[in-house]
Full PDB file with SEQRES, HELIX, SHEET, SSBOND, CRYST1, ORIGX, SCALE, CONECT and MASTER records, all heavy atoms in Angstrom:
SEQRES   1 A   42  THR TYR ALA LEU TYR GLN ILE ARG GLU ALA ARG ARG ARG          
SEQRES   2 A   42  ASN ARG LEU TYR ASP VAL GLU SER THR VAL LYS ASP GLN          
SEQRES   3 A   42  VAL TYR ARG GLY THR ASP HIS GLU ASP PHE LEU ALA SER          
SEQRES   4 A   42  ARG VAL VAL                                                  
HELIX    1 AA1 TYR A    2  ARG A   12  1                                  11    
HELIX    2 AA2 THR A   31  HIS A   33  5                                   3    
HELIX    3 AA3 PHE A   36  VAL A   41  1                                   6    
CRYST1    1.000    1.000    1.000  90.00  90.00  90.00 P 1           1          
ORIGX1      1.000000  0.000000  0.000000        0.00000                         
ORIGX2      0.000000  1.000000  0.000000        0.00000                         
ORIGX3      0.000000  0.000000  1.000000        0.00000                         
SCALE1      1.000000  0.000000  0.000000        0.00000                         
SCALE2      0.000000  1.000000  0.000000        0.00000                         
SCALE3      0.000000  0.000000  1.000000        0.00000                         
ATOM      1  N   THR A   1      97.773  98.811 105.440  1.00  0.00           N  
ATOM      2  CA  THR A   1      98.007  97.385 105.632  1.00  0.00           C  
ATOM      3  C   THR A   1      99.110  96.893 104.702  1.00  0.00           C  
ATOM      4  O   THR A   1     100.021  96.179 105.118  1.00  0.00           O  
ATOM      5  CB  THR A   1      96.703  96.593 105.391  1.00  0.00           C  
ATOM      6  OG1 THR A   1      95.698  97.096 106.278  1.00  0.00           O  
ATOM      7  CG2 THR A   1      96.891  95.099 105.607  1.00  0.00           C  
ATOM      8  N   TYR A   2      99.042  97.281 103.434  1.00  0.00           N  
ATOM      9  CA  TYR A   2     100.053  96.890 102.449  1.00  0.00           C  
ATOM     10  C   TYR A   2     101.425  97.421 102.857  1.00  0.00           C  
ATOM     11  O   TYR A   2     102.429  96.698 102.816  1.00  0.00           O  
ATOM     12  CB  TYR A   2      99.670  97.413 101.062  1.00  0.00           C  
ATOM     13  CG  TYR A   2     100.700  97.111 100.012  1.00  0.00           C  
ATOM     14  CD1 TYR A   2     100.722  95.871  99.380  1.00  0.00           C  
ATOM     15  CD2 TYR A   2     101.677  98.040  99.677  1.00  0.00           C  
ATOM     16  CE1 TYR A   2     101.678  95.581  98.414  1.00  0.00           C  
ATOM     17  CE2 TYR A   2     102.637  97.756  98.718  1.00  0.00           C  
ATOM     18  CZ  TYR A   2     102.633  96.527  98.098  1.00  0.00           C  
ATOM     19  OH  TYR A   2     103.594  96.237  97.170  1.00  0.00           O  
ATOM     20  N   ALA A   3     101.479  98.699 103.252  1.00  0.00           N  
ATOM     21  CA  ALA A   3     102.754  99.307 103.631  1.00  0.00           C  
ATOM     22  C   ALA A   3     103.373  98.603 104.831  1.00  0.00           C  
ATOM     23  O   ALA A   3     104.574  98.332 104.849  1.00  0.00           O  
ATOM     24  CB  ALA A   3     102.558 100.797 103.913  1.00  0.00           C  
ATOM     25  N   LEU A   4     102.565  98.303 105.834  1.00  0.00           N  
ATOM     26  CA  LEU A   4     103.079  97.615 107.013  1.00  0.00           C  
ATOM     27  C   LEU A   4     103.599  96.218 106.663  1.00  0.00           C  
ATOM     28  O   LEU A   4     104.632  95.778 107.191  1.00  0.00           O  
ATOM     29  CB  LEU A   4     102.000  97.528 108.096  1.00  0.00           C  
ATOM     30  CG  LEU A   4     101.710  98.850 108.804  1.00  0.00           C  
ATOM     31  CD1 LEU A   4     100.463  98.719 109.660  1.00  0.00           C  
ATOM     32  CD2 LEU A   4     102.917  99.304 109.618  1.00  0.00           C  
ATOM     33  N   TYR A   5     102.920  95.544 105.772  1.00  0.00           N  
ATOM     34  CA  TYR A   5     103.394  94.240 105.318  1.00  0.00           C  
ATOM     35  C   TYR A   5     104.750  94.386 104.619  1.00  0.00           C  
ATOM     36  O   TYR A   5     105.677  93.612 104.869  1.00  0.00           O  
ATOM     37  CB  TYR A   5     102.374  93.584 104.384  1.00  0.00           C  
ATOM     38  CG  TYR A   5     102.893  92.318 103.758  1.00  0.00           C  
ATOM     39  CD1 TYR A   5     102.902  91.128 104.483  1.00  0.00           C  
ATOM     40  CD2 TYR A   5     103.398  92.313 102.463  1.00  0.00           C  
ATOM     41  CE1 TYR A   5     103.402  89.954 103.922  1.00  0.00           C  
ATOM     42  CE2 TYR A   5     103.905  91.157 101.900  1.00  0.00           C  
ATOM     43  CZ  TYR A   5     103.906  89.986 102.622  1.00  0.00           C  
ATOM     44  OH  TYR A   5     104.419  88.833 102.085  1.00  0.00           O  
ATOM     45  N   GLN A   6     104.864  95.372 103.738  1.00  0.00           N  
ATOM     46  CA  GLN A   6     106.114  95.586 103.008  1.00  0.00           C  
ATOM     47  C   GLN A   6     107.253  95.980 103.944  1.00  0.00           C  
ATOM     48  O   GLN A   6     108.397  95.565 103.736  1.00  0.00           O  
ATOM     49  CB  GLN A   6     105.928  96.647 101.917  1.00  0.00           C  
ATOM     50  CG  GLN A   6     105.047  96.200 100.775  1.00  0.00           C  
ATOM     51  CD  GLN A   6     105.570  94.946 100.086  1.00  0.00           C  
ATOM     52  OE1 GLN A   6     106.763  94.705 100.008  1.00  0.00           O  
ATOM     53  NE2 GLN A   6     104.671  94.129  99.600  1.00  0.00           N  
ATOM     54  N   ILE A   7     106.954  96.761 104.975  1.00  0.00           N  
ATOM     55  CA  ILE A   7     107.975  97.136 105.958  1.00  0.00           C  
ATOM     56  C   ILE A   7     108.490  95.880 106.658  1.00  0.00           C  
ATOM     57  O   ILE A   7     109.701  95.682 106.805  1.00  0.00           O  
ATOM     58  CB  ILE A   7     107.401  98.148 106.981  1.00  0.00           C  
ATOM     59  CG1 ILE A   7     107.173  99.497 106.297  1.00  0.00           C  
ATOM     60  CG2 ILE A   7     108.312  98.284 108.192  1.00  0.00           C  
ATOM     61  CD1 ILE A   7     106.334 100.464 107.108  1.00  0.00           C  
ATOM     62  N   ARG A   8     107.575  95.034 107.081  1.00  0.00           N  
ATOM     63  CA  ARG A   8     107.970  93.783 107.760  1.00  0.00           C  
ATOM     64  C   ARG A   8     108.819  92.902 106.840  1.00  0.00           C  
ATOM     65  O   ARG A   8     109.850  92.360 107.234  1.00  0.00           O  
ATOM     66  CB  ARG A   8     106.734  93.037 108.229  1.00  0.00           C  
ATOM     67  CG  ARG A   8     107.106  91.828 109.088  1.00  0.00           C  
ATOM     68  CD  ARG A   8     105.901  91.127 109.654  1.00  0.00           C  
ATOM     69  NE  ARG A   8     105.192  90.475 108.569  1.00  0.00           N  
ATOM     70  CZ  ARG A   8     103.876  90.334 108.502  1.00  0.00           C  
ATOM     71  NH1 ARG A   8     103.110  90.811 109.458  1.00  0.00           N  
ATOM     72  NH2 ARG A   8     103.317  89.728 107.478  1.00  0.00           N  
ATOM     73  N   GLU A   9     108.391  92.781 105.578  1.00  0.00           N  
ATOM     74  CA  GLU A   9     109.145  91.964 104.616  1.00  0.00           C  
ATOM     75  C   GLU A   9     110.524  92.552 104.332  1.00  0.00           C  
ATOM     76  O   GLU A   9     111.500  91.812 104.210  1.00  0.00           O  
ATOM     77  CB  GLU A   9     108.348  91.801 103.317  1.00  0.00           C  
ATOM     78  CG  GLU A   9     107.188  90.841 103.444  1.00  0.00           C  
ATOM     79  CD  GLU A   9     107.659  89.435 103.784  1.00  0.00           C  
ATOM     80  OE1 GLU A   9     108.405  88.836 102.985  1.00  0.00           O  
ATOM     81  OE2 GLU A   9     107.279  88.937 104.853  1.00  0.00           O  
ATOM     82  N   ALA A  10     110.600  93.859 104.219  1.00  0.00           N  
ATOM     83  CA  ALA A  10     111.879  94.518 103.939  1.00  0.00           C  
ATOM     84  C   ALA A  10     112.868  94.268 105.074  1.00  0.00           C  
ATOM     85  O   ALA A  10     114.050  93.986 104.833  1.00  0.00           O  
ATOM     86  CB  ALA A  10     111.669  96.020 103.744  1.00  0.00           C  
ATOM     87  N   ARG A  11     112.392  94.338 106.292  1.00  0.00           N  
ATOM     88  CA  ARG A  11     113.265  94.099 107.445  1.00  0.00           C  
ATOM     89  C   ARG A  11     113.693  92.634 107.490  1.00  0.00           C  
ATOM     90  O   ARG A  11     114.845  92.323 107.780  1.00  0.00           O  
ATOM     91  CB  ARG A  11     112.546  94.480 108.732  1.00  0.00           C  
ATOM     92  CG  ARG A  11     112.016  95.890 108.721  1.00  0.00           C  
ATOM     93  CD  ARG A  11     112.859  96.873 109.486  1.00  0.00           C  
ATOM     94  NE  ARG A  11     112.664  98.250 109.048  1.00  0.00           N  
ATOM     95  CZ  ARG A  11     111.640  99.018 109.364  1.00  0.00           C  
ATOM     96  NH1 ARG A  11     110.681  98.549 110.123  1.00  0.00           N  
ATOM     97  NH2 ARG A  11     111.573 100.264 108.936  1.00  0.00           N  
ATOM     98  N   ARG A  12     112.751  91.756 107.201  1.00  0.00           N  
ATOM     99  CA  ARG A  12     113.041  90.315 107.236  1.00  0.00           C  
ATOM    100  C   ARG A  12     114.092  89.947 106.182  1.00  0.00           C  
ATOM    101  O   ARG A  12     114.947  89.081 106.410  1.00  0.00           O  
ATOM    102  CB  ARG A  12     111.748  89.538 106.988  1.00  0.00           C  
ATOM    103  CG  ARG A  12     111.875  88.036 107.171  1.00  0.00           C  
ATOM    104  CD  ARG A  12     110.534  87.331 107.061  1.00  0.00           C  
ATOM    105  NE  ARG A  12     109.992  87.314 105.725  1.00  0.00           N  
ATOM    106  CZ  ARG A  12     110.367  86.462 104.760  1.00  0.00           C  
ATOM    107  NH1 ARG A  12     111.289  85.564 104.994  1.00  0.00           N  
ATOM    108  NH2 ARG A  12     109.807  86.523 103.565  1.00  0.00           N  
ATOM    109  N   ARG A  13     114.039  90.617 105.047  1.00  0.00           N  
ATOM    110  CA  ARG A  13     114.966  90.304 103.939  1.00  0.00           C  
ATOM    111  C   ARG A  13     116.174  91.228 103.874  1.00  0.00           C  
ATOM    112  O   ARG A  13     116.933  91.188 102.919  1.00  0.00           O  
ATOM    113  CB  ARG A  13     114.196  90.375 102.619  1.00  0.00           C  
ATOM    114  CG  ARG A  13     113.111  89.333 102.531  1.00  0.00           C  
ATOM    115  CD  ARG A  13     112.316  89.452 101.280  1.00  0.00           C  
ATOM    116  NE  ARG A  13     111.250  88.463 101.266  1.00  0.00           N  
ATOM    117  CZ  ARG A  13     110.558  88.152 100.205  1.00  0.00           C  
ATOM    118  NH1 ARG A  13     110.803  88.727  99.047  1.00  0.00           N  
ATOM    119  NH2 ARG A  13     109.602  87.246 100.294  1.00  0.00           N  
ATOM    120  N   ASN A  14     116.290  92.116 104.866  1.00  0.00           N  
ATOM    121  CA  ASN A  14     117.415  93.074 104.926  1.00  0.00           C  
ATOM    122  C   ASN A  14     117.509  93.960 103.684  1.00  0.00           C  
ATOM    123  O   ASN A  14     118.603  94.260 103.201  1.00  0.00           O  
ATOM    124  CB  ASN A  14     118.740  92.351 105.163  1.00  0.00           C  
ATOM    125  CG  ASN A  14     118.818  91.767 106.543  1.00  0.00           C  
ATOM    126  OD1 ASN A  14     118.364  92.362 107.522  1.00  0.00           O  
ATOM    127  ND2 ASN A  14     119.376  90.567 106.645  1.00  0.00           N  
ATOM    128  N   ARG A  15     116.354  94.379 103.164  1.00  0.00           N  
ATOM    129  CA  ARG A  15     116.366  95.299 102.017  1.00  0.00           C  
ATOM    130  C   ARG A  15     116.742  96.700 102.487  1.00  0.00           C  
ATOM    131  O   ARG A  15     116.557  97.043 103.649  1.00  0.00           O  
ATOM    132  CB  ARG A  15     114.986  95.326 101.335  1.00  0.00           C  
ATOM    133  CG  ARG A  15     114.685  94.046 100.585  1.00  0.00           C  
ATOM    134  CD  ARG A  15     113.433  94.161  99.772  1.00  0.00           C  
ATOM    135  NE  ARG A  15     112.281  94.250 100.658  1.00  0.00           N  
ATOM    136  CZ  ARG A  15     111.023  94.049 100.289  1.00  0.00           C  
ATOM    137  NH1 ARG A  15     110.738  93.762  99.038  1.00  0.00           N  
ATOM    138  NH2 ARG A  15     110.046  94.136 101.143  1.00  0.00           N  
ATOM    139  N   LEU A  16     117.208  97.524 101.565  1.00  0.00           N  
ATOM    140  CA  LEU A  16     117.614  98.890 101.897  1.00  0.00           C  
ATOM    141  C   LEU A  16     116.420  99.815 102.122  1.00  0.00           C  
ATOM    142  O   LEU A  16     116.557 100.834 102.782  1.00  0.00           O  
ATOM    143  CB  LEU A  16     118.489  99.461 100.782  1.00  0.00           C  
ATOM    144  CG  LEU A  16     119.834  98.756 100.578  1.00  0.00           C  
ATOM    145  CD1 LEU A  16     120.551  99.331  99.368  1.00  0.00           C  
ATOM    146  CD2 LEU A  16     120.686  98.865 101.833  1.00  0.00           C  
ATOM    147  N   TYR A  17     115.269  99.485 101.528  1.00  0.00           N  
ATOM    148  CA  TYR A  17     114.083 100.334 101.665  1.00  0.00           C  
ATOM    149  C   TYR A  17     112.840  99.458 101.685  1.00  0.00           C  
ATOM    150  O   TYR A  17     112.884  98.283 101.348  1.00  0.00           O  
ATOM    151  CB  TYR A  17     114.008 101.356 100.527  1.00  0.00           C  
ATOM    152  CG  TYR A  17     114.085 100.748  99.151  1.00  0.00           C  
ATOM    153  CD1 TYR A  17     112.928 100.311  98.509  1.00  0.00           C  
ATOM    154  CD2 TYR A  17     115.297 100.596  98.492  1.00  0.00           C  
ATOM    155  CE1 TYR A  17     112.982  99.730  97.249  1.00  0.00           C  
ATOM    156  CE2 TYR A  17     115.363 100.018  97.230  1.00  0.00           C  
ATOM    157  CZ  TYR A  17     114.204  99.597  96.629  1.00  0.00           C  
ATOM    158  OH  TYR A  17     114.251  99.027  95.380  1.00  0.00           O  
ATOM    159  N   ASP A  18     111.731 100.071 102.112  1.00  0.00           N  
ATOM    160  CA  ASP A  18     110.486  99.319 102.302  1.00  0.00           C  
ATOM    161  C   ASP A  18     109.631  99.237 101.051  1.00  0.00           C  
ATOM    162  O   ASP A  18     109.205  98.169 100.656  1.00  0.00           O  
ATOM    163  CB  ASP A  18     109.649  99.950 103.418  1.00  0.00           C  
ATOM    164  CG  ASP A  18     110.414 100.046 104.727  1.00  0.00           C  
ATOM    165  OD1 ASP A  18     111.165  99.100 105.028  1.00  0.00           O  
ATOM    166  OD2 ASP A  18     110.256 101.047 105.432  1.00  0.00           O  
ATOM    167  N   VAL A  19     109.358 100.377 100.437  1.00  0.00           N  
ATOM    168  CA  VAL A  19     108.487 100.424  99.257  1.00  0.00           C  
ATOM    169  C   VAL A  19     109.053 101.393  98.238  1.00  0.00           C  
ATOM    170  O   VAL A  19     109.828 102.282  98.574  1.00  0.00           O  
ATOM    171  CB  VAL A  19     107.033 100.858  99.613  1.00  0.00           C  
ATOM    172  CG1 VAL A  19     106.348  99.834 100.481  1.00  0.00           C  
ATOM    173  CG2 VAL A  19     107.002 102.223 100.261  1.00  0.00           C  
ATOM    174  N   GLU A  20     108.636 101.220  96.990  1.00  0.00           N  
ATOM    175  CA  GLU A  20     108.956 102.180  95.947  1.00  0.00           C  
ATOM    176  C   GLU A  20     107.779 103.132  95.791  1.00  0.00           C  
ATOM    177  O   GLU A  20     106.646 102.773  96.117  1.00  0.00           O  
ATOM    178  CB  GLU A  20     109.249 101.461  94.627  1.00  0.00           C  
ATOM    179  CG  GLU A  20     110.520 100.643  94.706  1.00  0.00           C  
ATOM    180  CD  GLU A  20     110.976 100.125  93.362  1.00  0.00           C  
ATOM    181  OE1 GLU A  20     110.605 100.710  92.326  1.00  0.00           O  
ATOM    182  OE2 GLU A  20     111.722  99.139  93.361  1.00  0.00           O  
ATOM    183  N   SER A  21     108.020 104.311  95.278  1.00  0.00           N  
ATOM    184  CA  SER A  21     106.965 105.319  95.162  1.00  0.00           C  
ATOM    185  C   SER A  21     106.225 105.251  93.829  1.00  0.00           C  
ATOM    186  O   SER A  21     105.567 106.206  93.421  1.00  0.00           O  
ATOM    187  CB  SER A  21     107.564 106.714  95.341  1.00  0.00           C  
ATOM    188  OG  SER A  21     108.516 106.966  94.324  1.00  0.00           O  
ATOM    189  N   THR A  22     106.319 104.118  93.164  1.00  0.00           N  
ATOM    190  CA  THR A  22     105.713 103.948  91.841  1.00  0.00           C  
ATOM    191  C   THR A  22     104.622 102.888  91.891  1.00  0.00           C  
ATOM    192  O   THR A  22     104.335 102.327  92.945  1.00  0.00           O  
ATOM    193  CB  THR A  22     106.780 103.490  90.825  1.00  0.00           C  
ATOM    194  OG1 THR A  22     107.201 102.178  91.184  1.00  0.00           O  
ATOM    195  CG2 THR A  22     107.972 104.440  90.821  1.00  0.00           C  
ATOM    196  N   VAL A  23     104.063 102.570  90.741  1.00  0.00           N  
ATOM    197  CA  VAL A  23     103.036 101.511  90.671  1.00  0.00           C  
ATOM    198  C   VAL A  23     103.610 100.144  91.061  1.00  0.00           C  
ATOM    199  O   VAL A  23     102.849  99.213  91.286  1.00  0.00           O  
ATOM    200  CB  VAL A  23     102.379 101.443  89.282  1.00  0.00           C  
ATOM    201  CG1 VAL A  23     101.607 102.711  88.993  1.00  0.00           C  
ATOM    202  CG2 VAL A  23     103.401 101.173  88.187  1.00  0.00           C  
ATOM    203  N   LYS A  24     104.932 100.034  91.169  1.00  0.00           N  
ATOM    204  CA  LYS A  24     105.518  98.773  91.640  1.00  0.00           C  
ATOM    205  C   LYS A  24     105.012  98.452  93.045  1.00  0.00           C  
ATOM    206  O   LYS A  24     104.795  97.304  93.378  1.00  0.00           O  
ATOM    207  CB  LYS A  24     107.033  98.854  91.634  1.00  0.00           C  
ATOM    208  CG  LYS A  24     107.681  97.530  92.016  1.00  0.00           C  
ATOM    209  CD  LYS A  24     109.173  97.580  91.782  1.00  0.00           C  
ATOM    210  CE  LYS A  24     109.762  96.221  91.920  1.00  0.00           C  
ATOM    211  NZ  LYS A  24     110.160  95.826  93.208  1.00  0.00           N  
ATOM    212  N   ASP A  25     104.827  99.464  93.867  1.00  0.00           N  
ATOM    213  CA  ASP A  25     104.242  99.303  95.198  1.00  0.00           C  
ATOM    214  C   ASP A  25     102.991 100.182  95.289  1.00  0.00           C  
ATOM    215  O   ASP A  25     101.928  99.776  94.896  1.00  0.00           O  
ATOM    216  CB  ASP A  25     105.258  99.661  96.292  1.00  0.00           C  
ATOM    217  CG  ASP A  25     106.288  98.558  96.477  1.00  0.00           C  
ATOM    218  OD1 ASP A  25     105.877  97.410  96.690  1.00  0.00           O  
ATOM    219  OD2 ASP A  25     107.487  98.849  96.432  1.00  0.00           O  
ATOM    220  N   GLN A  26     103.163 101.396  95.807  1.00  0.00           N  
ATOM    221  CA  GLN A  26     102.039 102.338  95.897  1.00  0.00           C  
ATOM    222  C   GLN A  26     102.553 103.686  95.417  1.00  0.00           C  
ATOM    223  O   GLN A  26     103.688 104.068  95.715  1.00  0.00           O  
ATOM    224  CB  GLN A  26     101.536 102.441  97.345  1.00  0.00           C  
ATOM    225  CG  GLN A  26     101.012 101.122  97.879  1.00  0.00           C  
ATOM    226  CD  GLN A  26     100.422 101.226  99.263  1.00  0.00           C  
ATOM    227  OE1 GLN A  26      99.265 100.956  99.431  1.00  0.00           O  
ATOM    228  NE2 GLN A  26     101.212 101.583 100.253  1.00  0.00           N  
ATOM    229  N   VAL A  27     101.731 104.420  94.714  1.00  0.00           N  
ATOM    230  CA  VAL A  27     102.155 105.695  94.126  1.00  0.00           C  
ATOM    231  C   VAL A  27     102.144 106.777  95.203  1.00  0.00           C  
ATOM    232  O   VAL A  27     101.084 107.267  95.599  1.00  0.00           O  
ATOM    233  CB  VAL A  27     101.266 106.099  92.943  1.00  0.00           C  
ATOM    234  CG1 VAL A  27     101.725 107.433  92.369  1.00  0.00           C  
ATOM    235  CG2 VAL A  27     101.282 105.019  91.867  1.00  0.00           C  
ATOM    236  N   TYR A  28     103.327 107.122  95.680  1.00  0.00           N  
ATOM    237  CA  TYR A  28     103.501 108.205  96.646  1.00  0.00           C  
ATOM    238  C   TYR A  28     103.919 109.453  95.882  1.00  0.00           C  
ATOM    239  O   TYR A  28     104.949 109.448  95.221  1.00  0.00           O  
ATOM    240  CB  TYR A  28     104.562 107.815  97.679  1.00  0.00           C  
ATOM    241  CG  TYR A  28     104.950 108.957  98.582  1.00  0.00           C  
ATOM    242  CD1 TYR A  28     104.084 109.373  99.593  1.00  0.00           C  
ATOM    243  CD2 TYR A  28     106.158 109.613  98.435  1.00  0.00           C  
ATOM    244  CE1 TYR A  28     104.432 110.426 100.427  1.00  0.00           C  
ATOM    245  CE2 TYR A  28     106.507 110.654  99.266  1.00  0.00           C  
ATOM    246  CZ  TYR A  28     105.644 111.065 100.258  1.00  0.00           C  
ATOM    247  OH  TYR A  28     105.971 112.113 101.078  1.00  0.00           O  
ATOM    248  N   ARG A  29     103.124 110.511  95.963  1.00  0.00           N  
ATOM    249  CA  ARG A  29     103.420 111.722  95.194  1.00  0.00           C  
ATOM    250  C   ARG A  29     103.975 112.844  96.063  1.00  0.00           C  
ATOM    251  O   ARG A  29     104.237 113.932  95.586  1.00  0.00           O  
ATOM    252  CB  ARG A  29     102.187 112.169  94.440  1.00  0.00           C  
ATOM    253  CG  ARG A  29     101.802 111.078  93.431  1.00  0.00           C  
ATOM    254  CD  ARG A  29     100.693 111.442  92.542  1.00  0.00           C  
ATOM    255  NE  ARG A  29     101.061 112.522  91.648  1.00  0.00           N  
ATOM    256  CZ  ARG A  29     100.186 113.258  91.011  1.00  0.00           C  
ATOM    257  NH1 ARG A  29      98.902 113.034  91.155  1.00  0.00           N  
ATOM    258  NH2 ARG A  29     100.572 114.233  90.234  1.00  0.00           N  
ATOM    259  N   GLY A  30     104.131 112.614  97.353  1.00  0.00           N  
ATOM    260  CA  GLY A  30     104.779 113.588  98.209  1.00  0.00           C  
ATOM    261  C   GLY A  30     103.889 114.664  98.759  1.00  0.00           C  
ATOM    262  O   GLY A  30     102.673 114.703  98.512  1.00  0.00           O  
ATOM    263  N   THR A  31     104.497 115.562  99.495  1.00  0.00           N  
ATOM    264  CA  THR A  31     103.750 116.611 100.191  1.00  0.00           C  
ATOM    265  C   THR A  31     103.052 117.585  99.259  1.00  0.00           C  
ATOM    266  O   THR A  31     102.068 118.188  99.639  1.00  0.00           O  
ATOM    267  CB  THR A  31     104.670 117.392 101.148  1.00  0.00           C  
ATOM    268  OG1 THR A  31     105.750 117.945 100.404  1.00  0.00           O  
ATOM    269  CG2 THR A  31     105.216 116.492 102.239  1.00  0.00           C  
ATOM    270  N   ASP A  32     103.542 117.734  98.058  1.00  0.00           N  
ATOM    271  CA  ASP A  32     102.911 118.655  97.104  1.00  0.00           C  
ATOM    272  C   ASP A  32     101.492 118.223  96.735  1.00  0.00           C  
ATOM    273  O   ASP A  32     100.700 119.029  96.268  1.00  0.00           O  
ATOM    274  CB  ASP A  32     103.727 118.775  95.816  1.00  0.00           C  
ATOM    275  CG  ASP A  32     105.024 119.536  96.018  1.00  0.00           C  
ATOM    276  OD1 ASP A  32     105.169 120.187  97.068  1.00  0.00           O  
ATOM    277  OD2 ASP A  32     105.881 119.464  95.126  1.00  0.00           O  
ATOM    278  N   HIS A  33     101.167 116.954  96.946  1.00  0.00           N  
ATOM    279  CA  HIS A  33      99.857 116.429  96.559  1.00  0.00           C  
ATOM    280  C   HIS A  33      98.975 116.090  97.755  1.00  0.00           C  
ATOM    281  O   HIS A  33      97.916 115.491  97.593  1.00  0.00           O  
ATOM    282  CB  HIS A  33     100.027 115.220  95.638  1.00  0.00           C  
ATOM    283  CG  HIS A  33     100.696 115.585  94.358  1.00  0.00           C  
ATOM    284  ND1 HIS A  33     100.018 116.128  93.308  1.00  0.00           N  
ATOM    285  CD2 HIS A  33     101.994 115.539  93.988  1.00  0.00           C  
ATOM    286  CE1 HIS A  33     100.866 116.397  92.320  1.00  0.00           C  
ATOM    287  NE2 HIS A  33     102.068 116.041  92.718  1.00  0.00           N  
ATOM    288  N   GLU A  34      99.421 116.476  98.941  1.00  0.00           N  
ATOM    289  CA  GLU A  34      98.587 116.284 100.123  1.00  0.00           C  
ATOM    290  C   GLU A  34      97.501 117.362 100.153  1.00  0.00           C  
ATOM    291  O   GLU A  34      97.675 118.430  99.575  1.00  0.00           O  
ATOM    292  CB  GLU A  34      99.423 116.425 101.402  1.00  0.00           C  
ATOM    293  CG  GLU A  34     100.435 115.340 101.585  1.00  0.00           C  
ATOM    294  CD  GLU A  34     101.309 115.572 102.803  1.00  0.00           C  
ATOM    295  OE1 GLU A  34     100.977 116.463 103.631  1.00  0.00           O  
ATOM    296  OE2 GLU A  34     102.321 114.884 102.930  1.00  0.00           O  
ATOM    297  N   ASP A  35      96.395 117.074 100.800  1.00  0.00           N  
ATOM    298  CA  ASP A  35      95.381 118.085 101.015  1.00  0.00           C  
ATOM    299  C   ASP A  35      94.611 117.787 102.301  1.00  0.00           C  
ATOM    300  O   ASP A  35      94.790 116.732 102.910  1.00  0.00           O  
ATOM    301  CB  ASP A  35      94.435 118.232  99.816  1.00  0.00           C  
ATOM    302  CG  ASP A  35      93.637 117.000  99.488  1.00  0.00           C  
ATOM    303  OD1 ASP A  35      93.283 116.234 100.406  1.00  0.00           O  
ATOM    304  OD2 ASP A  35      93.355 116.777  98.297  1.00  0.00           O  
ATOM    305  N   PHE A  36      93.794 118.715 102.707  1.00  0.00           N  
ATOM    306  CA  PHE A  36      93.067 118.602 103.969  1.00  0.00           C  
ATOM    307  C   PHE A  36      92.177 117.377 103.999  1.00  0.00           C  
ATOM    308  O   PHE A  36      92.117 116.667 105.005  1.00  0.00           O  
ATOM    309  CB  PHE A  36      92.240 119.867 104.215  1.00  0.00           C  
ATOM    310  CG  PHE A  36      91.346 119.755 105.409  1.00  0.00           C  
ATOM    311  CD1 PHE A  36      91.879 119.855 106.691  1.00  0.00           C  
ATOM    312  CD2 PHE A  36      89.983 119.532 105.276  1.00  0.00           C  
ATOM    313  CE1 PHE A  36      91.064 119.737 107.801  1.00  0.00           C  
ATOM    314  CE2 PHE A  36      89.166 119.413 106.382  1.00  0.00           C  
ATOM    315  CZ  PHE A  36      89.723 119.519 107.659  1.00  0.00           C  
ATOM    316  N   LEU A  37      91.468 117.093 102.912  1.00  0.00           N  
ATOM    317  CA  LEU A  37      90.556 115.947 102.883  1.00  0.00           C  
ATOM    318  C   LEU A  37      91.304 114.642 103.108  1.00  0.00           C  
ATOM    319  O   LEU A  37      90.893 113.803 103.908  1.00  0.00           O  
ATOM    320  CB  LEU A  37      89.807 115.900 101.553  1.00  0.00           C  
ATOM    321  CG  LEU A  37      88.891 117.088 101.235  1.00  0.00           C  
ATOM    322  CD1 LEU A  37      88.413 117.017  99.799  1.00  0.00           C  
ATOM    323  CD2 LEU A  37      87.726 117.117 102.199  1.00  0.00           C  
ATOM    324  N   ALA A  38      92.403 114.473 102.414  1.00  0.00           N  
ATOM    325  CA  ALA A  38      93.202 113.256 102.562  1.00  0.00           C  
ATOM    326  C   ALA A  38      93.747 113.141 103.979  1.00  0.00           C  
ATOM    327  O   ALA A  38      93.628 112.086 104.620  1.00  0.00           O  
ATOM    328  CB  ALA A  38      94.336 113.260 101.553  1.00  0.00           C  
ATOM    329  N   SER A  39      94.319 114.212 104.488  1.00  0.00           N  
ATOM    330  CA  SER A  39      94.910 114.191 105.819  1.00  0.00           C  
ATOM    331  C   SER A  39      93.883 113.889 106.901  1.00  0.00           C  
ATOM    332  O   SER A  39      94.166 113.188 107.869  1.00  0.00           O  
ATOM    333  CB  SER A  39      95.601 115.518 106.128  1.00  0.00           C  
ATOM    334  OG  SER A  39      96.691 115.705 105.257  1.00  0.00           O  
ATOM    335  N   ARG A  40      92.675 114.427 106.733  1.00  0.00           N  
ATOM    336  CA  ARG A  40      91.613 114.195 107.713  1.00  0.00           C  
ATOM    337  C   ARG A  40      91.260 112.705 107.777  1.00  0.00           C  
ATOM    338  O   ARG A  40      91.117 112.137 108.860  1.00  0.00           O  
ATOM    339  CB  ARG A  40      90.384 115.027 107.370  1.00  0.00           C  
ATOM    340  CG  ARG A  40      89.263 114.879 108.389  1.00  0.00           C  
ATOM    341  CD  ARG A  40      88.134 115.785 108.114  1.00  0.00           C  
ATOM    342  NE  ARG A  40      87.480 115.382 106.881  1.00  0.00           N  
ATOM    343  CZ  ARG A  40      86.651 116.141 106.191  1.00  0.00           C  
ATOM    344  NH1 ARG A  40      86.358 117.348 106.597  1.00  0.00           N  
ATOM    345  NH2 ARG A  40      86.079 115.695 105.101  1.00  0.00           N  
ATOM    346  N   VAL A  41      91.140 112.067 106.635  1.00  0.00           N  
ATOM    347  CA  VAL A  41      90.789 110.639 106.611  1.00  0.00           C  
ATOM    348  C   VAL A  41      91.945 109.787 107.133  1.00  0.00           C  
ATOM    349  O   VAL A  41      91.739 108.838 107.885  1.00  0.00           O  
ATOM    350  CB  VAL A  41      90.356 110.178 105.203  1.00  0.00           C  
ATOM    351  CG1 VAL A  41      90.120 108.682 105.172  1.00  0.00           C  
ATOM    352  CG2 VAL A  41      89.104 110.926 104.787  1.00  0.00           C  
ATOM    353  N   VAL A  42      93.165 110.119 106.752  1.00  0.00           N  
ATOM    354  CA  VAL A  42      94.327 109.385 107.268  1.00  0.00           C  
ATOM    355  C   VAL A  42      94.357 109.488 108.790  1.00  0.00           C  
ATOM    356  O   VAL A  42      94.543 108.479 109.488  1.00  0.00           O  
ATOM    357  CB  VAL A  42      95.634 109.908 106.639  1.00  0.00           C  
ATOM    358  CG1 VAL A  42      96.850 109.336 107.359  1.00  0.00           C  
ATOM    359  CG2 VAL A  42      95.690 109.583 105.156  1.00  0.00           C  
TER     360      VAL A  42                                                      
MASTER        0    0    0    3    0    0    0    6  359    1    0    4          
END                                                                             
């Protein structure tokens, strides 16, 4: 929900990107930190 909101806002404001991968938005750690449990719930 947060990511979709940020995507909409980024487009509305003509930003270059939607979210940052830090605590500024949401901590995205990349494919190295994915696992079966997380993927199943997503």
